[in-house]
Each structure stands twice: as C-alpha cells, then as structure tokens.
Amino acid sequence: MAPTASSTSIPTATSTPIPTTTNTPEPTQIPGVQVYPVSSLGNGIPWLPYDDAKKPMSVFYGFNVEKPPFNNVLVRQAFAAAVDREQIAQKALEYNFRNAKPATSLTPPEILARDLYNEVGISFDPSRAKELLQQAGYSSIESFPSTTLLVSTRGKGAPGAYYQMAKMIVGMWQTNLGIKVEIEVVNIQDYGNRFSTNPPDIYQLGWVADYKDPDNFLKALFHSNNEINRGRFNNQEFDRLVEEAARLTDPEQRLLLYIQAEQILTEQETGVIPLYHSYVPIPYAY
C-alpha cells in the first residue's frame, strides 16, 4: 500500500543538498507490480530483461523552465502540489492504461526496481500549493501570466485519454491555486513541431521504455544535452549523476545515483510533474 499523500514535505528553493551517500532503500512491494531486489539487477545497461507484453511507461507534465512564470521553482512546486495523482491514475485505468499507479517520481518502479511514490517528488497538498505560489510572489492571482498546457492525441482531436485527464488537472489548478490554464490539443504527428515553433508553458508526454534501465528515462529525457529535453531542464548535478550512473557497473551504486537524480528532477528543481506509471494501454486510447 502506498504512503498517504501527506507523508513527504515539499522542499523550497533553499532545500538542503542531497547527500552523496546513503543506504540503499528496501524495495517497496506494490500490488500488481514486480519490484526487484538490487541483487537481481544486471551490471550494465539494460539492467533488467524486457517483457514486450508489459512495456512500462511514465506519463508526466513538463515545464518550460526558460520563461516566466515557470522559470521560478516555487511556481513549479506549487503546480505539482496542486495535482491529485490518485484521481489521475484512476482515470488512466478507465482508458486502458494497464496497472496505472500514481507517481511522484519519473522512472517506473519496474524500471528503477523501486517505487518512490510519496517518498521522492512533490506530494498532493493543496494548502502547501497555495503557500508556495504566494512565496513565488503571486499573492494576487490576477498578476499570474496566461498559461497554456499542450497535450497530444493520436486521433483527430479531443476527446482522448490525455485530453480528459488534462481537463481534470486544469480543474485542480483552478480549484487549488485559483489559476485558469488553457488546454491546446495537438495531433501526435505534429507534436514535436509545436515545440520548435512556439514552446508551450506546460506540456504532456508519455514515455515508453525502450529498454529496462533508468538511463532510458532520466538521461534520455532530461540530460541538458539531449534534444528531446522539451522543457530545457538544465541542472549540472543531475547531469553528473546520470552520466556517472551510466558508467558504473555496481547495481547498488547505480540505484543510489538514480534516486538522487530523481530527487533533483522531481523535487528540488521540479522540472516535471510525474502523473502515473503504467503499462502501454491496449487498445491505444491516447
């Protein structure tokens, strides 16, 4: 059973640095999810065998961190704290996202070999969300810039799974922060071009594992040198951690580095809002 949503405090911009060493956490057992002990992980990439029938995926929202208001970490944290992942994961199940589980970290537990829900990342906390927004300088909602959330669809447009979940999430932002966010729906074939011509404020992405290793999520998506880093997340310590993890062969050391990288990405810097982990839906209902 996952911890309650209030089990993790939300950091501010003055969070203490991540320790360079720590004890390897014990795997958390999740109903319907196989979580592996460190001793079973391979010495290299990939570190787990790939089951084509159960392709792990992560669905998340990312921020454009290069322009206001989301160049302010407190604003990003406020938006993350205002989203109830339990409700979103339940909606994902209705759209055939198999074994959908709420997430506060990016890498699926089947890939990381560890579930970090409400242990790493920003937990749902509406009161704290409002406080963070005020700390960011937005005591008056009228001063908050107009904001657009970009979502993809495989069909001709809404309604689709990602659009329906987006409606729920913008409703949470309206209720918990008082901020109205517009939704723009783009066909998946044109999605990449939209980032090149007019980068959105917030974007949705569903990433399916190419191989079962955290490198395929953390380094592939958010290293500062990667073109697919849509929101231009840039943190030197994050880059160092994922680069070092890719060079190591000791599974325990790699796991520790990846957990530290998750803390930077989803908690200290909040470059993304993880929503849920699942297997690829059958049939597709994006």
Protein backbone atom coordinates (compact mmCIF):
# COMPACT_ATOMS: atom_id res chain seq x y z
CA MET A 1 0.00 0.00 0.00
CA ALA A 2 1.37 3.43 -0.95
CA PRO A 3 2.00 6.01 1.78
CA THR A 4 -0.54 8.76 2.32
CA ALA A 5 -0.21 11.94 0.28
CA SER A 6 0.97 13.94 3.28
CA SER A 7 3.94 11.70 4.10
CA THR A 8 6.54 13.86 2.31
CA SER A 9 7.28 17.51 2.98
CA ILE A 10 7.64 19.81 -0.02
CA PRO A 11 11.03 21.49 -0.40
CA THR A 12 11.54 25.15 -1.18
CA ALA A 13 14.22 26.74 -3.31
CA THR A 14 16.56 26.59 -0.30
CA SER A 15 16.39 22.81 0.09
CA THR A 16 19.46 21.22 1.63
CA PRO A 17 21.84 19.47 -0.78
CA ILE A 18 21.34 15.78 -1.50
CA PRO A 19 23.85 13.64 0.41
CA THR A 20 26.42 11.92 -1.77
CA THR A 21 25.96 8.60 0.03
CA THR A 22 23.03 6.94 1.70
CA ASN A 23 21.75 3.47 2.48
CA THR A 24 20.02 1.66 -0.34
CA PRO A 25 16.27 1.64 0.42
CA GLU A 26 14.48 -1.67 0.54
CA PRO A 27 12.16 -2.30 -2.42
CA THR A 28 8.52 -1.42 -1.82
CA GLN A 29 6.11 -4.16 -2.83
CA ILE A 30 3.18 -2.89 -4.89
CA PRO A 31 0.08 -4.93 -5.78
CA GLY A 32 0.37 -5.97 -9.41
CA VAL A 33 3.95 -4.72 -9.82
CA GLN A 34 7.09 -6.79 -9.55
CA VAL A 35 9.80 -4.82 -7.79
CA TYR A 36 13.27 -6.29 -7.97
CA PRO A 37 15.93 -6.58 -5.25
CA VAL A 38 19.20 -4.85 -6.06
CA SER A 39 20.97 -8.21 -6.20
CA SER A 40 18.92 -9.16 -9.28
CA LEU A 41 19.97 -6.12 -11.33
CA GLY A 42 22.49 -6.53 -14.12
CA ASN A 43 25.92 -4.93 -14.18
CA GLY A 44 25.30 -2.59 -17.10
CA ILE A 45 22.63 -1.25 -19.43
CA PRO A 46 19.97 -2.57 -19.53
CA TRP A 47 19.92 -3.95 -16.01
CA LEU A 48 16.60 -5.85 -16.31
CA PRO A 49 15.12 -8.12 -19.00
CA TYR A 50 12.47 -6.58 -21.24
CA ASP A 51 8.97 -8.06 -21.44
CA ASP A 52 7.40 -6.89 -24.71
CA ALA A 53 3.91 -7.70 -23.38
CA LYS A 54 4.34 -5.33 -20.42
CA LYS A 55 6.03 -2.20 -21.68
CA PRO A 56 6.44 0.20 -18.73
CA MET A 57 5.64 3.84 -19.37
CA SER A 58 5.63 7.11 -17.48
CA VAL A 59 3.13 9.91 -18.12
CA PHE A 60 4.13 13.34 -16.87
CA TYR A 61 3.84 17.10 -17.37
CA GLY A 62 6.94 19.14 -18.03
CA PHE A 63 7.57 22.86 -17.70
CA ASN A 64 9.19 25.42 -19.96
CA VAL A 65 11.77 26.48 -17.39
CA GLU A 66 13.27 29.19 -19.61
CA LYS A 67 10.49 31.78 -19.35
CA PRO A 68 8.14 33.16 -16.67
CA PRO A 69 6.28 32.04 -14.71
CA PHE A 70 7.82 28.55 -14.74
CA ASN A 71 11.41 29.74 -14.53
CA ASN A 72 10.53 30.11 -10.83
CA VAL A 73 10.96 26.79 -8.97
CA LEU A 74 8.37 27.79 -6.37
CA VAL A 75 5.72 28.16 -9.08
CA ARG A 76 6.61 24.73 -10.46
CA GLN A 77 6.39 23.22 -6.99
CA ALA A 78 3.03 24.90 -6.41
CA PHE A 79 1.58 23.44 -9.61
CA ALA A 80 2.91 19.98 -8.69
CA ALA A 81 1.47 20.12 -5.17
CA ALA A 82 -1.97 21.02 -6.57
CA VAL A 83 -2.38 17.78 -8.58
CA ASP A 84 -4.05 14.72 -7.06
CA ARG A 85 -2.27 11.80 -8.76
CA GLU A 86 -4.63 9.25 -7.22
CA GLN A 87 -7.53 10.64 -9.25
CA ILE A 88 -5.46 10.83 -12.43
CA ALA A 89 -4.26 7.23 -12.12
CA GLN A 90 -7.86 6.11 -11.65
CA LYS A 91 -8.87 7.93 -14.83
CA ALA A 92 -5.92 6.31 -16.64
CA LEU A 93 -7.27 2.87 -15.69
CA GLU A 94 -10.60 3.81 -17.27
CA TYR A 95 -8.71 4.43 -20.53
CA ASN A 96 -6.99 1.02 -20.52
CA PHE A 97 -3.64 2.17 -19.20
CA ARG A 98 -2.86 -1.20 -17.63
CA ASN A 99 -1.74 -1.32 -14.00
CA ALA A 100 -1.76 2.50 -13.72
CA LYS A 101 -0.31 3.70 -10.41
CA PRO A 102 0.03 7.29 -9.15
CA ALA A 103 3.55 8.70 -9.37
CA THR A 104 5.62 11.43 -7.76
CA SER A 105 8.86 10.34 -9.47
CA LEU A 106 9.61 9.85 -13.15
CA THR A 107 11.03 6.35 -13.58
CA PRO A 108 8.52 3.46 -13.39
CA PRO A 109 9.14 1.07 -10.47
CA GLU A 110 9.54 -1.83 -12.92
CA ILE A 111 12.49 0.08 -14.40
CA LEU A 112 14.07 1.55 -11.27
CA ALA A 113 13.39 -1.64 -9.26
CA ARG A 114 11.97 0.60 -6.55
CA ASP A 115 8.71 2.51 -6.02
CA LEU A 116 9.32 6.09 -4.86
CA TYR A 117 5.69 7.25 -4.68
CA ASN A 118 5.36 9.95 -2.00
CA GLU A 119 8.95 9.27 -0.92
CA VAL A 120 10.58 11.35 -3.68
CA GLY A 121 8.88 14.20 -5.50
CA ILE A 122 6.08 16.64 -4.63
CA SER A 123 3.05 15.11 -2.93
CA PHE A 124 -0.52 16.37 -3.29
CA ASP A 125 -1.01 19.16 -0.74
CA PRO A 126 -3.39 21.99 -1.76
CA SER A 127 -2.63 24.15 1.28
CA ARG A 128 1.09 23.96 0.64
CA ALA A 129 0.49 24.65 -3.04
CA LYS A 130 -1.15 27.99 -2.20
CA GLU A 131 1.67 28.88 0.18
CA LEU A 132 4.30 28.14 -2.47
CA LEU A 133 2.51 30.30 -5.01
CA GLN A 134 2.43 33.20 -2.55
CA GLN A 135 6.12 32.69 -1.77
CA ALA A 136 6.77 32.91 -5.51
CA GLY A 137 5.31 36.43 -5.46
CA TYR A 138 1.78 35.71 -6.71
CA SER A 139 -0.32 36.79 -3.76
CA SER A 140 -2.74 38.18 -6.34
CA ILE A 141 -3.87 35.64 -8.94
CA GLU A 142 -4.69 38.49 -11.36
CA SER A 143 -0.95 39.04 -11.83
CA PHE A 144 -0.31 35.47 -12.97
CA PRO A 145 0.50 35.26 -16.71
CA SER A 146 -1.79 33.44 -19.13
CA THR A 147 -0.76 29.79 -19.26
CA THR A 148 -1.22 27.02 -21.85
CA LEU A 149 -0.99 23.27 -21.36
CA LEU A 150 -0.12 21.33 -24.53
CA VAL A 151 -1.42 17.76 -24.78
CA SER A 152 -1.16 15.21 -27.57
CA THR A 153 -3.72 12.92 -29.13
CA ARG A 154 -3.42 10.02 -31.55
CA GLY A 155 -6.82 10.73 -33.06
CA LYS A 156 -8.24 13.79 -34.77
CA GLY A 157 -8.58 15.65 -31.51
CA ALA A 158 -10.44 15.66 -28.23
CA PRO A 159 -11.85 13.74 -26.54
CA GLY A 160 -8.99 11.41 -25.81
CA ALA A 161 -7.38 9.99 -22.69
CA TYR A 162 -4.73 12.70 -22.37
CA TYR A 163 -7.28 15.44 -23.05
CA GLN A 164 -9.73 14.08 -20.48
CA MET A 165 -7.00 13.89 -17.85
CA ALA A 166 -5.85 17.39 -18.78
CA LYS A 167 -9.36 18.70 -18.08
CA MET A 168 -9.20 17.12 -14.63
CA ILE A 169 -5.79 18.61 -13.89
CA VAL A 170 -6.59 22.16 -15.04
CA GLY A 171 -9.67 21.87 -12.83
CA MET A 172 -7.40 21.04 -9.89
CA TRP A 173 -5.21 24.05 -10.65
CA GLN A 174 -8.31 26.25 -10.81
CA THR A 175 -9.63 24.88 -7.52
CA ASN A 176 -6.39 24.65 -5.56
CA LEU A 177 -4.49 27.66 -6.95
CA GLY A 178 -7.20 29.85 -8.47
CA ILE A 179 -5.34 29.80 -11.80
CA LYS A 180 -7.04 29.15 -15.12
CA VAL A 181 -4.95 27.19 -17.62
CA GLU A 182 -5.92 26.79 -21.27
CA ILE A 183 -5.60 23.39 -22.97
CA GLU A 184 -4.23 23.09 -26.51
CA VAL A 185 -4.59 19.71 -28.21
CA VAL A 186 -2.15 18.73 -30.98
CA ASN A 187 -2.05 15.54 -33.02
CA ILE A 188 0.90 13.35 -32.05
CA GLN A 189 2.37 13.65 -35.57
CA ASP A 190 2.65 17.45 -35.19
CA TYR A 191 3.59 17.48 -31.52
CA GLY A 192 7.35 17.85 -31.96
CA ASN A 193 6.97 20.73 -34.41
CA ARG A 194 4.93 22.67 -31.87
CA PHE A 195 7.93 22.79 -29.52
CA SER A 196 10.13 24.17 -32.28
CA THR A 197 7.75 26.91 -33.43
CA ASN A 198 6.15 28.00 -30.16
CA PRO A 199 7.25 26.17 -26.98
CA PRO A 200 4.30 25.73 -24.58
CA ASP A 201 4.28 26.74 -20.92
CA ILE A 202 3.45 23.19 -19.78
CA TYR A 203 3.48 20.04 -21.89
CA GLN A 204 2.34 16.45 -21.55
CA LEU A 205 4.47 13.47 -22.51
CA GLY A 206 4.04 9.72 -22.26
CA TRP A 207 7.35 7.85 -22.49
CA VAL A 208 7.53 4.10 -23.10
CA ALA A 209 10.65 2.18 -22.10
CA ASP A 210 12.94 1.23 -24.99
CA TYR A 211 14.90 -0.96 -22.55
CA LYS A 212 14.52 -1.62 -18.82
CA ASP A 213 17.01 0.77 -17.32
CA PRO A 214 16.61 4.19 -15.63
CA ASP A 215 19.08 5.60 -18.16
CA ASN A 216 16.28 5.37 -20.76
CA PHE A 217 14.13 7.77 -18.71
CA LEU A 218 16.38 10.10 -16.74
CA LYS A 219 19.38 10.60 -19.01
CA ALA A 220 17.48 10.13 -22.27
CA LEU A 221 14.78 12.67 -21.42
CA PHE A 222 16.37 15.29 -19.16
CA HIS A 223 20.12 15.45 -19.65
CA SER A 224 20.81 19.05 -20.68
CA ASN A 225 22.45 17.99 -23.97
CA ASN A 226 19.53 15.91 -25.26
CA GLU A 227 17.28 17.39 -27.94
CA ILE A 228 14.23 15.57 -26.59
CA ASN A 229 14.58 17.57 -23.36
CA ARG A 230 11.46 19.54 -24.32
CA GLY A 231 11.37 21.98 -21.40
CA ARG A 232 15.14 22.60 -21.49
CA PHE A 233 15.65 21.36 -17.94
CA ASN A 234 19.27 22.08 -17.05
CA ASN A 235 20.97 21.04 -13.82
CA GLN A 236 24.68 20.24 -13.69
CA GLU A 237 24.42 17.93 -10.69
CA PHE A 238 21.61 15.97 -12.36
CA ASP A 239 23.76 15.60 -15.49
CA ARG A 240 26.71 14.43 -13.41
CA LEU A 241 24.63 11.82 -11.57
CA VAL A 242 23.09 10.23 -14.67
CA GLU A 243 26.41 10.29 -16.53
CA GLU A 244 28.19 8.60 -13.64
CA ALA A 245 25.40 6.04 -13.21
CA ALA A 246 25.72 5.09 -16.88
CA ARG A 247 29.43 4.39 -16.42
CA LEU A 248 29.11 2.27 -13.28
CA THR A 249 28.57 -1.48 -13.16
CA ASP A 250 27.62 -1.88 -9.48
CA PRO A 251 23.79 -2.04 -9.27
CA GLU A 252 23.61 -0.67 -5.73
CA GLN A 253 25.72 2.37 -6.57
CA ARG A 254 23.71 2.99 -9.75
CA LEU A 255 20.41 2.80 -7.85
CA LEU A 256 21.58 5.37 -5.31
CA LEU A 257 22.64 7.78 -8.04
CA TYR A 258 19.35 7.41 -9.89
CA ILE A 259 17.34 8.07 -6.73
CA GLN A 260 19.39 11.23 -6.14
CA ALA A 261 18.77 12.29 -9.74
CA GLU A 262 15.03 11.74 -9.22
CA GLN A 263 15.15 13.99 -6.16
CA ILE A 264 16.66 16.81 -8.19
CA LEU A 265 14.32 16.42 -11.17
CA THR A 266 11.00 15.91 -9.39
CA GLU A 267 11.53 17.55 -6.01
CA GLN A 268 14.31 20.08 -5.56
CA GLU A 269 14.04 21.59 -9.05
CA THR A 270 10.62 20.19 -10.02
CA GLY A 271 11.30 20.12 -13.73
CA VAL A 272 8.35 17.77 -14.18
CA ILE A 273 5.10 16.66 -12.55
CA PRO A 274 5.01 12.85 -12.72
CA LEU A 275 1.38 11.72 -13.01
CA TYR A 276 1.30 7.93 -13.20
CA HIS A 277 3.18 4.81 -14.24
CA SER A 278 1.55 2.04 -16.23
CA TYR A 279 1.96 -0.49 -19.00
CA VAL A 280 1.21 0.65 -22.53
CA PRO A 281 -2.60 0.61 -22.96
CA ILE A 282 -4.28 -1.94 -25.18
CA PRO A 283 -6.01 -0.79 -27.27
CA TYR A 284 -4.44 2.64 -27.63
CA ALA A 285 -6.70 5.30 -26.14
CA TYR A 286 -4.46 8.34 -26.03
